[in-house]
Amino acid sequence: MDIYPIAKSNKKPLCDASQYEQMYTQSIKDSDKFWAEQA
């Protein structure tokens, strides 16, 4: 079995951990509003 290394990515995330947590909380509290804003 061949094992290949994981390729490194130069891409930056779209949001940081704090922003992710805020978005997640909003998506749980009011999912309709959250997804309307994301669309």
PDB file of N, CA and C in Angstrom:
ATOM      1  N   MET A   1       0.849  -1.162   0.000  1.00  0.00           N
ATOM      2  CA  MET A   1       0.000   0.000   0.000  1.00  0.00           C
ATOM      3  C   MET A   1       0.905   1.238   0.000  1.00  0.00           C
ATOM      4  N   ASP A   2       0.606   2.165  -0.917  1.00  0.00           N
ATOM      5  CA  ASP A   2       1.354   3.418  -0.976  1.00  0.00           C
ATOM      6  C   ASP A   2       0.735   4.435  -0.027  1.00  0.00           C
ATOM      7  N   ILE A   3       1.601   5.200   0.607  1.00  0.00           N
ATOM      8  CA  ILE A   3       1.153   6.277   1.485  1.00  0.00           C
ATOM      9  C   ILE A   3       1.693   7.578   0.929  1.00  0.00           C
ATOM     10  N   TYR A   4       0.811   8.537   0.731  1.00  0.00           N
ATOM     11  CA  TYR A   4       1.192   9.819   0.147  1.00  0.00           C
ATOM     12  C   TYR A   4       1.043  10.927   1.185  1.00  0.00           C
ATOM     13  N   PRO A   5       1.956  11.888   1.170  1.00  0.00           N
ATOM     14  CA  PRO A   5       1.847  12.998   2.121  1.00  0.00           C
ATOM     15  C   PRO A   5       0.673  13.912   1.765  1.00  0.00           C
ATOM     16  N   ILE A   6       0.165  14.594   2.762  1.00  0.00           N
ATOM     17  CA  ILE A   6      -0.921  15.546   2.553  1.00  0.00           C
ATOM     18  C   ILE A   6      -0.336  16.812   1.941  1.00  0.00           C
ATOM     19  N   ALA A   7      -0.949  17.286   0.870  1.00  0.00           N
ATOM     20  CA  ALA A   7      -0.462  18.486   0.187  1.00  0.00           C
ATOM     21  C   ALA A   7      -0.669  19.714   1.068  1.00  0.00           C
ATOM     22  N   LYS A   8       0.288  20.613   1.043  1.00  0.00           N
ATOM     23  CA  LYS A   8       0.161  21.866   1.794  1.00  0.00           C
ATOM     24  C   LYS A   8      -0.709  22.829   1.004  1.00  0.00           C
ATOM     25  N   SER A   9      -1.450  23.641   1.726  1.00  0.00           N
ATOM     26  CA  SER A   9      -2.341  24.605   1.094  1.00  0.00           C
ATOM     27  C   SER A   9      -1.872  26.014   1.412  1.00  0.00           C
ATOM     28  N   ASN A  10      -1.886  26.864   0.416  1.00  0.00           N
ATOM     29  CA  ASN A  10      -1.536  28.264   0.610  1.00  0.00           C
ATOM     30  C   ASN A  10      -2.774  29.126   0.803  1.00  0.00           C
ATOM     31  N   LYS A  11      -3.934  28.495   0.767  1.00  0.00           N
ATOM     32  CA  LYS A  11      -5.182  29.240   0.896  1.00  0.00           C
ATOM     33  C   LYS A  11      -5.419  29.625   2.352  1.00  0.00           C
ATOM     34  N   LYS A  12      -5.980  30.805   2.535  1.00  0.00           N
ATOM     35  CA  LYS A  12      -6.334  31.270   3.869  1.00  0.00           C
ATOM     36  C   LYS A  12      -7.804  30.959   4.104  1.00  0.00           C
ATOM     37  N   PRO A  13      -8.178  30.680   5.348  1.00  0.00           N
ATOM     38  CA  PRO A  13      -9.595  30.410   5.630  1.00  0.00           C
ATOM     39  C   PRO A  13     -10.449  31.652   5.392  1.00  0.00           C
ATOM     40  N   LEU A  14     -11.715  31.430   5.118  1.00  0.00           N
ATOM     41  CA  LEU A  14     -12.638  32.538   4.875  1.00  0.00           C
ATOM     42  C   LEU A  14     -12.996  33.278   6.157  1.00  0.00           C
ATOM     43  N   CYS A  15     -12.883  32.604   7.299  1.00  0.00           N
ATOM     44  CA  CYS A  15     -13.162  33.261   8.573  1.00  0.00           C
ATOM     45  C   CYS A  15     -12.293  32.637   9.659  1.00  0.00           C
ATOM     46  N   ASP A  16     -12.092  33.375  10.742  1.00  0.00           N
ATOM     47  CA  ASP A  16     -11.302  32.843  11.846  1.00  0.00           C
ATOM     48  C   ASP A  16     -12.220  32.097  12.824  1.00  0.00           C
ATOM     49  N   ALA A  17     -11.639  31.536  13.861  1.00  0.00           N
ATOM     50  CA  ALA A  17     -12.408  30.721  14.804  1.00  0.00           C
ATOM     51  C   ALA A  17     -13.506  31.523  15.491  1.00  0.00           C
ATOM     52  N   SER A  18     -13.228  32.770  15.817  1.00  0.00           N
ATOM     53  CA  SER A  18     -14.218  33.622  16.475  1.00  0.00           C
ATOM     54  C   SER A  18     -15.404  33.888  15.554  1.00  0.00           C
ATOM     55  N   GLN A  19     -15.123  34.210  14.304  1.00  0.00           N
ATOM     56  CA  GLN A  19     -16.194  34.460  13.331  1.00  0.00           C
ATOM     57  C   GLN A  19     -17.002  33.187  13.096  1.00  0.00           C
ATOM     58  N   TYR A  20     -16.315  32.049  13.023  1.00  0.00           N
ATOM     59  CA  TYR A  20     -16.993  30.771  12.815  1.00  0.00           C
ATOM     60  C   TYR A  20     -17.966  30.491  13.965  1.00  0.00           C
ATOM     61  N   GLU A  21     -17.502  30.699  15.190  1.00  0.00           N
ATOM     62  CA  GLU A  21     -18.348  30.461  16.362  1.00  0.00           C
ATOM     63  C   GLU A  21     -19.581  31.358  16.337  1.00  0.00           C
ATOM     64  N   GLN A  22     -19.389  32.616  15.964  1.00  0.00           N
ATOM     65  CA  GLN A  22     -20.502  33.566  15.888  1.00  0.00           C
ATOM     66  C   GLN A  22     -21.499  33.128  14.809  1.00  0.00           C
ATOM     67  N   MET A  23     -20.990  32.733  13.657  1.00  0.00           N
ATOM     68  CA  MET A  23     -21.867  32.292  12.572  1.00  0.00           C
ATOM     69  C   MET A  23     -22.611  31.015  12.963  1.00  0.00           C
ATOM     70  N   TYR A  24     -21.917  30.102  13.615  1.00  0.00           N
ATOM     71  CA  TYR A  24     -22.543  28.850  14.039  1.00  0.00           C
ATOM     72  C   TYR A  24     -23.684  29.128  15.013  1.00  0.00           C
ATOM     73  N   THR A  25     -23.422  29.979  15.996  1.00  0.00           N
ATOM     74  CA  THR A  25     -24.444  30.324  16.984  1.00  0.00           C
ATOM     75  C   THR A  25     -25.656  30.949  16.313  1.00  0.00           C
ATOM     76  N   GLN A  26     -25.417  31.862  15.390  1.00  0.00           N
ATOM     77  CA  GLN A  26     -26.527  32.499  14.676  1.00  0.00           C
ATOM     78  C   GLN A  26     -27.304  31.465  13.863  1.00  0.00           C
ATOM     79  N   SER A  27     -26.596  30.523  13.246  1.00  0.00           N
ATOM     80  CA  SER A  27     -27.273  29.523  12.417  1.00  0.00           C
ATOM     81  C   SER A  27     -28.169  28.613  13.241  1.00  0.00           C
ATOM     82  N   ILE A  28     -27.811  28.411  14.509  1.00  0.00           N
ATOM     83  CA  ILE A  28     -28.631  27.580  15.395  1.00  0.00           C
ATOM     84  C   ILE A  28     -29.826  28.369  15.929  1.00  0.00           C
ATOM     85  N   LYS A  29     -29.589  29.616  16.326  1.00  0.00           N
ATOM     86  CA  LYS A  29     -30.652  30.431  16.926  1.00  0.00           C
ATOM     87  C   LYS A  29     -31.728  30.822  15.923  1.00  0.00           C
ATOM     88  N   ASP A  30     -31.334  31.189  14.712  1.00  0.00           N
ATOM     89  CA  ASP A  30     -32.294  31.645  13.697  1.00  0.00           C
ATOM     90  C   ASP A  30     -31.797  31.214  12.321  1.00  0.00           C
ATOM     91  N   SER A  31     -31.995  29.947  12.021  1.00  0.00           N
ATOM     92  CA  SER A  31     -31.430  29.384  10.793  1.00  0.00           C
ATOM     93  C   SER A  31     -32.000  30.024   9.524  1.00  0.00           C
ATOM     94  N   ASP A  32     -33.279  30.366   9.514  1.00  0.00           N
ATOM     95  CA  ASP A  32     -33.857  30.984   8.316  1.00  0.00           C
ATOM     96  C   ASP A  32     -33.194  32.325   8.012  1.00  0.00           C
ATOM     97  N   LYS A  33     -33.033  33.146   9.030  1.00  0.00           N
ATOM     98  CA  LYS A  33     -32.389  34.449   8.845  1.00  0.00           C
ATOM     99  C   LYS A  33     -30.924  34.269   8.439  1.00  0.00           C
ATOM    100  N   PHE A  34     -30.241  33.345   9.105  1.00  0.00           N
ATOM    101  CA  PHE A  34     -28.831  33.107   8.804  1.00  0.00           C
ATOM    102  C   PHE A  34     -28.638  32.733   7.336  1.00  0.00           C
ATOM    103  N   TRP A  35     -29.399  31.756   6.862  1.00  0.00           N
ATOM    104  CA  TRP A  35     -29.214  31.293   5.481  1.00  0.00           C
ATOM    105  C   TRP A  35     -29.707  32.316   4.463  1.00  0.00           C
ATOM    106  N   ALA A  36     -30.681  33.130   4.822  1.00  0.00           N
ATOM    107  CA  ALA A  36     -31.120  34.209   3.926  1.00  0.00           C
ATOM    108  C   ALA A  36     -29.988  35.214   3.739  1.00  0.00           C
ATOM    109  N   GLU A  37     -29.252  35.495   4.812  1.00  0.00           N
ATOM    110  CA  GLU A  37     -28.123  36.423   4.717  1.00  0.00           C
ATOM    111  C   GLU A  37     -26.955  35.814   3.937  1.00  0.00           C
ATOM    112  N   GLN A  38     -26.801  34.494   4.012  1.00  0.00           N
ATOM    113  CA  GLN A  38     -25.691  33.835   3.319  1.00  0.00           C
ATOM    114  C   GLN A  38     -25.949  33.704   1.817  1.00  0.00           C
ATOM    115  N   ALA A  39     -27.210  33.694   1.435  1.00  0.00           N
ATOM    116  CA  ALA A  39     -27.571  33.496   0.022  1.00  0.00           C
ATOM    117  C   ALA A  39     -27.245  34.697  -0.831  1.00  0.00           C
TER     118      ALA A  39
END
